[in-house]
Amino acid sequence: MIRDVIDRPTEDTLLTRRDLAARWKVSIQTLKRRERAGILRPVRLDGRIIRYRMRDVVRIEQDGCHCD
Protein backbone atom coordinates (compact mmCIF):
# COMPACT_ATOMS: atom_id res chain seq x y z
CA MET A 1 0.00 0.00 0.00
CA ILE A 2 2.73 2.50 0.95
CA ARG A 3 4.59 1.61 -2.25
CA ASP A 4 1.48 2.53 -4.29
CA VAL A 5 1.34 5.95 -2.62
CA ILE A 6 5.01 6.64 -3.38
CA ASP A 7 4.81 5.29 -6.94
CA ARG A 8 1.68 7.30 -7.80
CA PRO A 9 1.77 10.38 -5.60
CA THR A 10 -0.83 13.09 -5.74
CA GLU A 11 -0.56 16.65 -4.55
CA ASP A 12 -2.44 15.76 -1.35
CA THR A 13 -0.39 12.67 -0.50
CA LEU A 14 1.19 12.73 2.95
CA LEU A 15 4.52 10.98 3.49
CA THR A 16 5.83 9.63 6.78
CA ARG A 17 9.31 10.53 7.99
CA ARG A 18 10.45 7.02 7.14
CA ASP A 19 9.04 7.25 3.60
CA LEU A 20 10.64 10.64 2.96
CA ALA A 21 13.97 9.55 4.44
CA ALA A 22 13.96 6.54 2.10
CA ARG A 23 12.98 8.69 -0.89
CA TRP A 24 15.82 11.15 -0.26
CA LYS A 25 18.24 8.50 1.05
CA VAL A 26 18.87 10.44 4.27
CA SER A 27 18.38 9.73 7.97
CA ILE A 28 15.38 10.80 9.99
CA GLN A 29 17.76 13.04 11.96
CA THR A 30 18.62 14.84 8.70
CA LEU A 31 14.91 15.46 8.11
CA LYS A 32 14.60 16.90 11.62
CA ARG A 33 17.57 19.21 10.96
CA ARG A 34 15.94 20.39 7.74
CA GLU A 35 12.75 21.11 9.67
CA ARG A 36 14.68 23.24 12.17
CA ALA A 37 16.43 25.03 9.31
CA GLY A 38 13.06 25.86 7.74
CA ILE A 39 13.76 23.86 4.57
CA LEU A 40 11.10 21.27 5.31
CA ARG A 41 7.71 22.03 6.84
CA PRO A 42 6.00 19.10 8.58
CA VAL A 43 2.28 18.60 9.02
CA ARG A 44 1.36 17.57 12.55
CA LEU A 45 -1.58 15.20 12.89
CA ASP A 46 -3.07 14.52 16.30
CA GLY A 47 -0.18 16.32 18.00
CA ARG A 48 2.74 13.91 17.59
CA ILE A 49 2.19 12.32 14.19
CA ILE A 50 4.46 13.94 11.58
CA ARG A 51 3.78 13.89 7.84
CA TYR A 52 5.06 15.83 4.83
CA ARG A 53 2.95 17.06 1.91
CA MET A 54 3.99 15.57 -1.41
CA ARG A 55 3.63 18.97 -3.10
CA ASP A 56 6.18 20.43 -0.64
CA VAL A 57 8.53 17.49 -1.20
CA VAL A 58 8.34 17.86 -4.98
CA ARG A 59 8.90 21.62 -4.75
CA ILE A 60 12.02 21.08 -2.61
CA GLU A 61 13.29 18.45 -5.06
CA GLN A 62 12.75 20.79 -8.00
CA ASP A 63 14.62 23.54 -6.15
CA GLY A 64 17.49 21.11 -5.53
CA CYS A 65 17.40 21.67 -1.77
CA HIS A 66 16.94 18.05 -0.66
CA CYS A 67 20.62 17.15 -1.00
CA ASP A 68 23.34 18.19 1.40
C-alpha atoms as a PDB file:
ATOM      1  CA  MET A   1       0.000   0.000   0.000  1.00  0.00           C
ATOM      2  CA  ILE A   2       2.734   2.502   0.949  1.00  0.00           C
ATOM      3  CA  ARG A   3       4.589   1.612  -2.253  1.00  0.00           C
ATOM      4  CA  ASP A   4       1.480   2.532  -4.288  1.00  0.00           C
ATOM      5  CA  VAL A   5       1.342   5.954  -2.623  1.00  0.00           C
ATOM      6  CA  ILE A   6       5.011   6.640  -3.378  1.00  0.00           C
ATOM      7  CA  ASP A   7       4.811   5.293  -6.935  1.00  0.00           C
ATOM      8  CA  ARG A   8       1.683   7.301  -7.797  1.00  0.00           C
ATOM      9  CA  PRO A   9       1.768  10.378  -5.597  1.00  0.00           C
ATOM     10  CA  THR A  10      -0.828  13.087  -5.740  1.00  0.00           C
ATOM     11  CA  GLU A  11      -0.561  16.651  -4.552  1.00  0.00           C
ATOM     12  CA  ASP A  12      -2.439  15.757  -1.352  1.00  0.00           C
ATOM     13  CA  THR A  13      -0.386  12.666  -0.500  1.00  0.00           C
ATOM     14  CA  LEU A  14       1.194  12.735   2.947  1.00  0.00           C
ATOM     15  CA  LEU A  15       4.524  10.979   3.495  1.00  0.00           C
ATOM     16  CA  THR A  16       5.829   9.635   6.784  1.00  0.00           C
ATOM     17  CA  ARG A  17       9.312  10.531   7.995  1.00  0.00           C
ATOM     18  CA  ARG A  18      10.446   7.016   7.135  1.00  0.00           C
ATOM     19  CA  ASP A  19       9.036   7.254   3.605  1.00  0.00           C
ATOM     20  CA  LEU A  20      10.642  10.641   2.959  1.00  0.00           C
ATOM     21  CA  ALA A  21      13.974   9.553   4.438  1.00  0.00           C
ATOM     22  CA  ALA A  22      13.955   6.542   2.099  1.00  0.00           C
ATOM     23  CA  ARG A  23      12.981   8.694  -0.891  1.00  0.00           C
ATOM     24  CA  TRP A  24      15.817  11.155  -0.263  1.00  0.00           C
ATOM     25  CA  LYS A  25      18.242   8.497   1.053  1.00  0.00           C
ATOM     26  CA  VAL A  26      18.866  10.436   4.275  1.00  0.00           C
ATOM     27  CA  SER A  27      18.378   9.726   7.967  1.00  0.00           C
ATOM     28  CA  ILE A  28      15.384  10.803   9.994  1.00  0.00           C
ATOM     29  CA  GLN A  29      17.761  13.043  11.957  1.00  0.00           C
ATOM     30  CA  THR A  30      18.616  14.837   8.700  1.00  0.00           C
ATOM     31  CA  LEU A  31      14.908  15.464   8.106  1.00  0.00           C
ATOM     32  CA  LYS A  32      14.598  16.898  11.616  1.00  0.00           C
ATOM     33  CA  ARG A  33      17.572  19.205  10.959  1.00  0.00           C
ATOM     34  CA  ARG A  34      15.943  20.394   7.736  1.00  0.00           C
ATOM     35  CA  GLU A  35      12.747  21.106   9.666  1.00  0.00           C
ATOM     36  CA  ARG A  36      14.677  23.239  12.174  1.00  0.00           C
ATOM     37  CA  ALA A  37      16.433  25.033   9.309  1.00  0.00           C
ATOM     38  CA  GLY A  38      13.065  25.864   7.739  1.00  0.00           C
ATOM     39  CA  ILE A  39      13.758  23.857   4.567  1.00  0.00           C
ATOM     40  CA  LEU A  40      11.100  21.267   5.311  1.00  0.00           C
ATOM     41  CA  ARG A  41       7.707  22.034   6.840  1.00  0.00           C
ATOM     42  CA  PRO A  42       5.997  19.103   8.579  1.00  0.00           C
ATOM     43  CA  VAL A  43       2.276  18.603   9.018  1.00  0.00           C
ATOM     44  CA  ARG A  44       1.359  17.566  12.553  1.00  0.00           C
ATOM     45  CA  LEU A  45      -1.578  15.199  12.893  1.00  0.00           C
ATOM     46  CA  ASP A  46      -3.073  14.524  16.295  1.00  0.00           C
ATOM     47  CA  GLY A  47      -0.183  16.320  18.002  1.00  0.00           C
ATOM     48  CA  ARG A  48       2.738  13.910  17.594  1.00  0.00           C
ATOM     49  CA  ILE A  49       2.193  12.323  14.191  1.00  0.00           C
ATOM     50  CA  ILE A  50       4.458  13.937  11.580  1.00  0.00           C
ATOM     51  CA  ARG A  51       3.779  13.889   7.836  1.00  0.00           C
ATOM     52  CA  TYR A  52       5.059  15.832   4.831  1.00  0.00           C
ATOM     53  CA  ARG A  53       2.947  17.057   1.908  1.00  0.00           C
ATOM     54  CA  MET A  54       3.987  15.569  -1.410  1.00  0.00           C
ATOM     55  CA  ARG A  55       3.628  18.973  -3.099  1.00  0.00           C
ATOM     56  CA  ASP A  56       6.176  20.427  -0.640  1.00  0.00           C
ATOM     57  CA  VAL A  57       8.534  17.493  -1.196  1.00  0.00           C
ATOM     58  CA  VAL A  58       8.336  17.857  -4.980  1.00  0.00           C
ATOM     59  CA  ARG A  59       8.905  21.616  -4.746  1.00  0.00           C
ATOM     60  CA  ILE A  60      12.017  21.081  -2.613  1.00  0.00           C
ATOM     61  CA  GLU A  61      13.286  18.448  -5.056  1.00  0.00           C
ATOM     62  CA  GLN A  62      12.749  20.787  -8.004  1.00  0.00           C
ATOM     63  CA  ASP A  63      14.623  23.542  -6.151  1.00  0.00           C
ATOM     64  CA  GLY A  64      17.489  21.108  -5.531  1.00  0.00           C
ATOM     65  CA  CYS A  65      17.401  21.666  -1.773  1.00  0.00           C
ATOM     66  CA  HIS A  66      16.936  18.051  -0.662  1.00  0.00           C
ATOM     67  CA  CYS A  67      20.620  17.155  -0.999  1.00  0.00           C
ATOM     68  CA  ASP A  68      23.341  18.188   1.405  1.00  0.00           C
END
